[in-house]
């Protein structure tokens, strides 16, 4: 019986602390955006890991971009 006098207030204090932590996290925006972290794994952010020689080589071997204007369009401009 004496242990109940200790465990009930201790349980109430722990439940109050958990409720405070939950409301604090909600007010500080911890649950605002739940989708972006799941999608961020799909983005390729390892550009700085590519050696400099490979980047230059890839830029030189890339096909030239096609110009959307034809000669007729240039004459009309």
PDB file of N, CA and C in Angstrom:
ATOM      1  N   UNK A   1       0.821  -1.202   0.000  1.00  0.00           N
ATOM      2  CA  UNK A   1       0.000   0.000   0.000  1.00  0.00           C
ATOM      3  C   UNK A   1       0.861   1.260   0.000  1.00  0.00           C
ATOM      4  N   UNK A   2       1.990   1.210   0.682  1.00  0.00           N
ATOM      5  CA  UNK A   2       2.875   2.371   0.746  1.00  0.00           C
ATOM      6  C   UNK A   2       3.486   2.663  -0.630  1.00  0.00           C
ATOM      7  N   UNK A   3       3.690   1.604  -1.436  1.00  0.00           N
ATOM      8  CA  UNK A   3       4.262   1.816  -2.766  1.00  0.00           C
ATOM      9  C   UNK A   3       3.271   2.545  -3.678  1.00  0.00           C
ATOM     10  N   UNK A   4       1.977   2.349  -3.457  1.00  0.00           N
ATOM     11  CA  UNK A   4       0.964   3.036  -4.252  1.00  0.00           C
ATOM     12  C   UNK A   4       1.003   4.544  -4.004  1.00  0.00           C
ATOM     13  N   UNK A   5       1.326   4.933  -2.801  1.00  0.00           N
ATOM     14  CA  UNK A   5       1.425   6.353  -2.476  1.00  0.00           C
ATOM     15  C   UNK A   5       2.591   7.008  -3.229  1.00  0.00           C
ATOM     16  N   UNK A   6       3.557   6.232  -3.637  1.00  0.00           N
ATOM     17  CA  UNK A   6       4.677   6.744  -4.404  1.00  0.00           C
ATOM     18  C   UNK A   6       4.440   6.622  -5.908  1.00  0.00           C
ATOM     19  N   UNK A   7       3.866   5.494  -6.342  1.00  0.00           N
ATOM     20  CA  UNK A   7       3.723   5.217  -7.777  1.00  0.00           C
ATOM     21  C   UNK A   7       2.637   6.063  -8.446  1.00  0.00           C
ATOM     22  N   UNK A   8       1.554   6.361  -7.771  1.00  0.00           N
ATOM     23  CA  UNK A   8       0.478   7.157  -8.388  1.00  0.00           C
ATOM     24  C   UNK A   8       0.951   8.584  -8.676  1.00  0.00           C
ATOM     25  N   UNK A   9       1.527   9.305  -7.719  1.00  0.00           N
ATOM     26  CA  UNK A   9       2.031  10.645  -8.058  1.00  0.00           C
ATOM     27  C   UNK A   9       3.151  10.608  -9.103  1.00  0.00           C
ATOM     28  N   UNK A  10       4.018   9.588  -9.039  1.00  0.00           N
ATOM     29  CA  UNK A  10       5.084   9.464 -10.018  1.00  0.00           C
ATOM     30  C   UNK A  10       4.510   9.241 -11.418  1.00  0.00           C
ATOM     31  N   UNK A  11       3.469   8.428 -11.539  1.00  0.00           N
ATOM     32  CA  UNK A  11       2.809   8.205 -12.831  1.00  0.00           C
ATOM     33  C   UNK A  11       2.153   9.471 -13.353  1.00  0.00           C
ATOM     34  N   UNK A  12       1.539  10.232 -12.490  1.00  0.00           N
ATOM     35  CA  UNK A  12       0.900  11.491 -12.891  1.00  0.00           C
ATOM     36  C   UNK A  12       1.960  12.492 -13.360  1.00  0.00           C
ATOM     37  N   UNK A  13       3.079  12.552 -12.674  1.00  0.00           N
ATOM     38  CA  UNK A  13       4.158  13.464 -13.067  1.00  0.00           C
ATOM     39  C   UNK A  13       4.727  13.058 -14.424  1.00  0.00           C
ATOM     40  N   UNK A  14       4.937  11.766 -14.644  1.00  0.00           N
ATOM     41  CA  UNK A  14       5.471  11.299 -15.929  1.00  0.00           C
ATOM     42  C   UNK A  14       4.476  11.545 -17.068  1.00  0.00           C
ATOM     43  N   UNK A  15       3.196  11.323 -16.820  1.00  0.00           N
ATOM     44  CA  UNK A  15       2.182  11.578 -17.851  1.00  0.00           C
ATOM     45  C   UNK A  15       2.119  13.072 -18.165  1.00  0.00           C
ATOM     46  N   UNK A  16       2.220  13.916 -17.147  1.00  0.00           N
ATOM     47  CA  UNK A  16       2.235  15.362 -17.368  1.00  0.00           C
ATOM     48  C   UNK A  16       3.456  15.796 -18.165  1.00  0.00           C
ATOM     49  N   UNK A  17       4.605  15.187 -17.873  1.00  0.00           N
ATOM     50  CA  UNK A  17       5.819  15.501 -18.629  1.00  0.00           C
ATOM     51  C   UNK A  17       5.704  15.079 -20.085  1.00  0.00           C
ATOM     52  N   UNK A  18       5.091  13.938 -20.330  1.00  0.00           N
ATOM     53  CA  UNK A  18       4.896  13.477 -21.705  1.00  0.00           C
ATOM     54  C   UNK A  18       3.934  14.391 -22.457  1.00  0.00           C
ATOM     55  N   UNK A  19       2.877  14.820 -21.789  1.00  0.00           N
ATOM     56  CA  UNK A  19       1.933  15.752 -22.432  1.00  0.00           C
ATOM     57  C   UNK A  19       2.603  17.084 -22.727  1.00  0.00           C
ATOM     58  N   UNK A  20       3.417  17.582 -21.790  1.00  0.00           N
ATOM     59  CA  UNK A  20       4.133  18.836 -22.015  1.00  0.00           C
ATOM     60  C   UNK A  20       5.075  18.706 -23.206  1.00  0.00           C
ATOM     61  N   UNK A  21       5.820  17.592 -23.290  1.00  0.00           N
ATOM     62  CA  UNK A  21       6.757  17.391 -24.397  1.00  0.00           C
ATOM     63  C   UNK A  21       6.016  17.318 -25.731  1.00  0.00           C
ATOM     64  N   UNK A  22       4.854  16.664 -25.763  1.00  0.00           N
ATOM     65  CA  UNK A  22       4.077  16.581 -26.991  1.00  0.00           C
ATOM     66  C   UNK A  22       3.599  17.959 -27.439  1.00  0.00           C
ATOM     67  N   UNK A  23       2.997  18.725 -26.528  1.00  0.00           N
ATOM     68  CA  UNK A  23       2.502  20.048 -26.912  1.00  0.00           C
ATOM     69  C   UNK A  23       3.646  21.002 -27.262  1.00  0.00           C
ATOM     70  N   UNK A  24       4.785  20.873 -26.605  1.00  0.00           N
ATOM     71  CA  UNK A  24       5.948  21.683 -26.950  1.00  0.00           C
ATOM     72  C   UNK A  24       6.411  21.384 -28.374  1.00  0.00           C
ATOM     73  N   UNK A  25       6.464  20.103 -28.742  1.00  0.00           N
ATOM     74  CA  UNK A  25       6.913  19.740 -30.089  1.00  0.00           C
ATOM     75  C   UNK A  25       5.917  20.190 -31.150  1.00  0.00           C
ATOM     76  N   UNK A  26       4.629  20.140 -30.852  1.00  0.00           N
ATOM     77  CA  UNK A  26       3.626  20.618 -31.811  1.00  0.00           C
ATOM     78  C   UNK A  26       3.758  22.126 -32.003  1.00  0.00           C
ATOM     79  N   UNK A  27       3.945  22.864 -30.934  1.00  0.00           N
ATOM     80  CA  UNK A  27       4.076  24.318 -31.027  1.00  0.00           C
ATOM     81  C   UNK A  27       5.359  24.749 -31.721  1.00  0.00           C
ATOM     82  N   UNK A  28       6.404  23.932 -31.685  1.00  0.00           N
ATOM     83  CA  UNK A  28       7.672  24.275 -32.327  1.00  0.00           C
ATOM     84  C   UNK A  28       7.791  23.719 -33.738  1.00  0.00           C
ATOM     85  N   UNK A  29       6.714  23.180 -34.294  1.00  0.00           N
ATOM     86  CA  UNK A  29       6.708  22.777 -35.695  1.00  0.00           C
ATOM     87  C   UNK A  29       7.332  21.432 -35.998  1.00  0.00           C
ATOM     88  N   UNK A  30       7.436  20.553 -35.022  1.00  0.00           N
ATOM     89  CA  UNK A  30       8.052  19.257 -35.266  1.00  0.00           C
ATOM     90  C   UNK A  30       7.195  18.362 -36.159  1.00  0.00           C
ATOM     91  N   UNK A  31       5.893  18.597 -36.217  1.00  0.00           N
ATOM     92  CA  UNK A  31       4.990  17.756 -36.999  1.00  0.00           C
ATOM     93  C   UNK A  31       4.415  18.478 -38.202  1.00  0.00           C
ATOM     94  N   UNK A  32       5.022  19.593 -38.624  1.00  0.00           N
ATOM     95  CA  UNK A  32       4.473  20.373 -39.724  1.00  0.00           C
ATOM     96  C   UNK A  32       4.619  19.695 -41.077  1.00  0.00           C
ATOM     97  N   UNK A  33       5.784  19.171 -41.380  1.00  0.00           N
ATOM     98  CA  UNK A  33       6.039  18.612 -42.708  1.00  0.00           C
ATOM     99  C   UNK A  33       6.524  17.169 -42.557  1.00  0.00           C
ATOM    100  N   UNK A  34       5.625  16.224 -42.762  1.00  0.00           N
ATOM    101  CA  UNK A  34       5.982  14.824 -42.598  1.00  0.00           C
ATOM    102  C   UNK A  34       6.349  14.151 -43.912  1.00  0.00           C
ATOM    103  N   UNK A  35       6.080  14.786 -45.058  1.00  0.00           N
ATOM    104  CA  UNK A  35       6.316  14.152 -46.354  1.00  0.00           C
ATOM    105  C   UNK A  35       7.686  14.460 -46.940  1.00  0.00           C
ATOM    106  N   UNK A  36       8.204  15.643 -46.742  1.00  0.00           N
ATOM    107  CA  UNK A  36       9.484  16.022 -47.359  1.00  0.00           C
ATOM    108  C   UNK A  36      10.657  15.143 -46.954  1.00  0.00           C
ATOM    109  N   UNK A  37      10.825  14.774 -45.685  1.00  0.00           N
ATOM    110  CA  UNK A  37      11.951  13.897 -45.364  1.00  0.00           C
ATOM    111  C   UNK A  37      11.879  12.552 -46.082  1.00  0.00           C
ATOM    112  N   UNK A  38      10.686  12.042 -46.328  1.00  0.00           N
ATOM    113  CA  UNK A  38      10.568  10.766 -47.035  1.00  0.00           C
ATOM    114  C   UNK A  38      10.959  10.902 -48.497  1.00  0.00           C
ATOM    115  N   UNK A  39      10.707  12.062 -49.094  1.00  0.00           N
ATOM    116  CA  UNK A  39      11.032  12.268 -50.505  1.00  0.00           C
ATOM    117  C   UNK A  39      12.464  12.759 -50.710  1.00  0.00           C
ATOM    118  N   UNK A  40      13.100  13.260 -49.676  1.00  0.00           N
ATOM    119  CA  UNK A  40      14.441  13.821 -49.847  1.00  0.00           C
ATOM    120  C   UNK A  40      15.471  12.757 -50.216  1.00  0.00           C
ATOM    121  N   UNK A  41      15.186  11.502 -49.932  1.00  0.00           N
ATOM    122  CA  UNK A  41      16.129  10.439 -50.284  1.00  0.00           C
ATOM    123  C   UNK A  41      16.209  10.258 -51.795  1.00  0.00           C
ATOM    124  N   UNK A  42      15.205  10.718 -52.526  1.00  0.00           N
ATOM    125  CA  UNK A  42      15.175  10.552 -53.971  1.00  0.00           C
ATOM    126  C   UNK A  42      16.004  11.598 -54.703  1.00  0.00           C
ATOM    127  N   UNK A  43      16.346  12.698 -54.040  1.00  0.00           N
ATOM    128  CA  UNK A  43      17.097  13.760 -54.698  1.00  0.00           C
ATOM    129  C   UNK A  43      18.580  13.424 -54.724  1.00  0.00           C
ATOM    130  N   UNK A  44      19.217  13.761 -55.811  1.00  0.00           N
ATOM    131  CA  UNK A  44      20.630  13.462 -55.996  1.00  0.00           C
ATOM    132  C   UNK A  44      21.454  14.654 -55.533  1.00  0.00           C
ATOM    133  N   UNK A  45      22.085  14.545 -54.378  1.00  0.00           N
ATOM    134  CA  UNK A  45      22.850  15.660 -53.845  1.00  0.00           C
ATOM    135  C   UNK A  45      24.326  15.317 -53.682  1.00  0.00           C
ATOM    136  N   UNK A  46      24.828  14.424 -54.526  1.00  0.00           N
ATOM    137  CA  UNK A  46      26.221  14.032 -54.408  1.00  0.00           C
ATOM    138  C   UNK A  46      27.081  14.663 -55.491  1.00  0.00           C
ATOM    139  N   UNK A  47      26.746  15.839 -55.969  1.00  0.00           N
ATOM    140  CA  UNK A  47      27.523  16.523 -57.005  1.00  0.00           C
ATOM    141  C   UNK A  47      28.936  16.855 -56.565  1.00  0.00           C
ATOM    142  N   UNK A  48      29.113  17.158 -55.285  1.00  0.00           N
ATOM    143  CA  UNK A  48      30.451  17.492 -54.812  1.00  0.00           C
ATOM    144  C   UNK A  48      31.329  16.253 -54.641  1.00  0.00           C
ATOM    145  N   UNK A  49      30.760  15.059 -54.741  1.00  0.00           N
ATOM    146  CA  UNK A  49      31.538  13.830 -54.625  1.00  0.00           C
ATOM    147  C   UNK A  49      32.125  13.392 -55.966  1.00  0.00           C
ATOM    148  N   UNK A  50      31.657  13.982 -57.070  1.00  0.00           N
ATOM    149  CA  UNK A  50      32.154  13.636 -58.395  1.00  0.00           C
ATOM    150  C   UNK A  50      33.502  14.323 -58.592  1.00  0.00           C
ATOM    151  N   UNK A  51      34.513  13.591 -59.016  1.00  0.00           N
ATOM    152  CA  UNK A  51      35.820  14.227 -59.231  1.00  0.00           C
ATOM    153  C   UNK A  51      35.748  15.309 -60.302  1.00  0.00           C
ATOM    154  N   UNK A  52      36.601  16.298 -60.175  1.00  0.00           N
ATOM    155  CA  UNK A  52      36.614  17.442 -61.092  1.00  0.00           C
ATOM    156  C   UNK A  52      36.877  17.003 -62.532  1.00  0.00           C
ATOM    157  N   UNK A  53      37.743  16.019 -62.721  1.00  0.00           N
ATOM    158  CA  UNK A  53      38.053  15.565 -64.083  1.00  0.00           C
ATOM    159  C   UNK A  53      36.822  14.962 -64.750  1.00  0.00           C
ATOM    160  N   UNK A  54      36.035  14.248 -64.003  1.00  0.00           N
ATOM    161  CA  UNK A  54      34.845  13.621 -64.571  1.00  0.00           C
ATOM    162  C   UNK A  54      33.792  14.661 -64.934  1.00  0.00           C
ATOM    163  N   UNK A  55      33.681  15.689 -64.111  1.00  0.00           N
ATOM    164  CA  UNK A  55      32.694  16.727 -64.410  1.00  0.00           C
ATOM    165  C   UNK A  55      33.051  17.463 -65.692  1.00  0.00           C
ATOM    166  N   UNK A  56      34.320  17.790 -65.874  1.00  0.00           N
ATOM    167  CA  UNK A  56      34.748  18.503 -67.080  1.00  0.00           C
ATOM    168  C   UNK A  56      34.556  17.614 -68.297  1.00  0.00           C
ATOM    169  N   UNK A  57      34.903  16.344 -68.190  1.00  0.00           N
ATOM    170  CA  UNK A  57      34.762  15.410 -69.292  1.00  0.00           C
ATOM    171  C   UNK A  57      33.293  15.253 -69.674  1.00  0.00           C
ATOM    172  N   UNK A  58      32.423  15.201 -68.707  1.00  0.00           N
ATOM    173  CA  UNK A  58      31.002  15.055 -68.996  1.00  0.00           C
ATOM    174  C   UNK A  58      30.455  16.298 -69.690  1.00  0.00           C
ATOM    175  N   UNK A  59      30.932  17.457 -69.300  1.00  0.00           N
ATOM    176  CA  UNK A  59      30.467  18.693 -69.934  1.00  0.00           C
ATOM    177  C   UNK A  59      30.938  18.775 -71.380  1.00  0.00           C
ATOM    178  N   UNK A  60      32.159  18.319 -71.662  1.00  0.00           N
ATOM    179  CA  UNK A  60      32.685  18.381 -73.022  1.00  0.00           C
ATOM    180  C   UNK A  60      32.010  17.385 -73.944  1.00  0.00           C
ATOM    181  N   UNK A  61      31.635  16.222 -73.420  1.00  0.00           N
ATOM    182  CA  UNK A  61      31.039  15.191 -74.267  1.00  0.00           C
ATOM    183  C   UNK A  61      29.531  15.315 -74.376  1.00  0.00           C
ATOM    184  N   UNK A  62      28.933  16.244 -73.661  1.00  0.00           N
ATOM    185  CA  UNK A  62      27.478  16.406 -73.729  1.00  0.00           C
ATOM    186  C   UNK A  62      27.095  16.928 -75.114  1.00  0.00           C
ATOM    187  N   UNK A  63      25.997  16.434 -75.669  1.00  0.00           N
ATOM    188  CA  UNK A  63      25.578  16.918 -76.985  1.00  0.00           C
ATOM    189  C   UNK A  63      25.157  18.385 -76.899  1.00  0.00           C
ATOM    190  N   UNK A  64      25.379  19.138 -77.967  1.00  0.00           N
ATOM    191  CA  UNK A  64      24.987  20.553 -77.935  1.00  0.00           C
ATOM    192  C   UNK A  64      23.475  20.675 -77.878  1.00  0.00           C
ATOM    193  N   UNK A  65      23.046  21.724 -77.197  1.00  0.00           N
ATOM    194  CA  UNK A  65      21.606  21.949 -77.091  1.00  0.00           C
ATOM    195  C   UNK A  65      21.060  22.428 -78.424  1.00  0.00           C
ATOM    196  N   UNK A  66      19.890  21.911 -78.763  1.00  0.00           N
ATOM    197  CA  UNK A  66      19.277  22.311 -80.024  1.00  0.00           C
ATOM    198  C   UNK A  66      18.617  23.669 -79.860  1.00  0.00           C
ATOM    199  N   UNK A  67      18.751  24.486 -80.873  1.00  0.00           N
ATOM    200  CA  UNK A  67      18.142  25.803 -80.858  1.00  0.00           C
ATOM    201  C   UNK A  67      16.709  25.670 -81.355  1.00  0.00           C
ATOM    202  N   UNK A  68      15.773  26.220 -80.622  1.00  0.00           N
ATOM    203  CA  UNK A  68      14.370  26.062 -80.997  1.00  0.00           C
ATOM    204  C   UNK A  68      13.972  27.016 -82.132  1.00  0.00           C
ATOM    205  N   UNK A  69      14.806  28.021 -82.421  1.00  0.00           N
ATOM    206  CA  UNK A  69      14.485  28.953 -83.494  1.00  0.00           C
ATOM    207  C   UNK A  69      15.046  28.433 -84.823  1.00  0.00           C
ATOM    208  N   UNK A  70      14.266  28.523 -85.828  1.00  0.00           N
ATOM    209  CA  UNK A  70      14.742  28.176 -87.165  1.00  0.00           C
ATOM    210  C   UNK A  70      15.238  29.439 -87.859  1.00  0.00           C
ATOM    211  N   UNK A  71      15.833  29.281 -89.024  1.00  0.00           N
ATOM    212  CA  UNK A  71      16.323  30.447 -89.768  1.00  0.00           C
ATOM    213  C   UNK A  71      15.172  31.383 -90.121  1.00  0.00           C
ATOM    214  N   UNK A  72      14.024  30.834 -90.428  1.00  0.00           N
ATOM    215  CA  UNK A  72      12.863  31.654 -90.781  1.00  0.00           C
ATOM    216  C   UNK A  72      12.421  32.486 -89.576  1.00  0.00           C
ATOM    217  N   UNK A  73      12.456  31.905 -88.400  1.00  0.00           N
ATOM    218  CA  UNK A  73      12.069  32.640 -87.178  1.00  0.00           C
ATOM    219  C   UNK A  73      13.044  33.777 -86.909  1.00  0.00           C
ATOM    220  N   UNK A  74      14.315  33.567 -87.164  1.00  0.00           N
ATOM    221  CA  UNK A  74      15.306  34.613 -86.928  1.00  0.00           C
ATOM    222  C   UNK A  74      15.123  35.784 -87.887  1.00  0.00           C
ATOM    223  N   UNK A  75      14.720  35.482 -89.105  1.00  0.00           N
ATOM    224  CA  UNK A  75      14.493  36.560 -90.076  1.00  0.00           C
ATOM    225  C   UNK A  75      13.295  37.398 -89.665  1.00  0.00           C
ATOM    226  N   UNK A  76      12.300  36.760 -89.065  1.00  0.00           N
ATOM    227  CA  UNK A  76      11.089  37.488 -88.663  1.00  0.00           C
ATOM    228  C   UNK A  76      11.300  38.313 -87.398  1.00  0.00           C
ATOM    229  N   UNK A  77      12.300  37.981 -86.586  1.00  0.00           N
ATOM    230  CA  UNK A  77      12.538  38.708 -85.335  1.00  0.00           C
ATOM    231  C   UNK A  77      13.119  40.032 -85.580  1.00  0.00           C
TER     232      UNK A  77
END
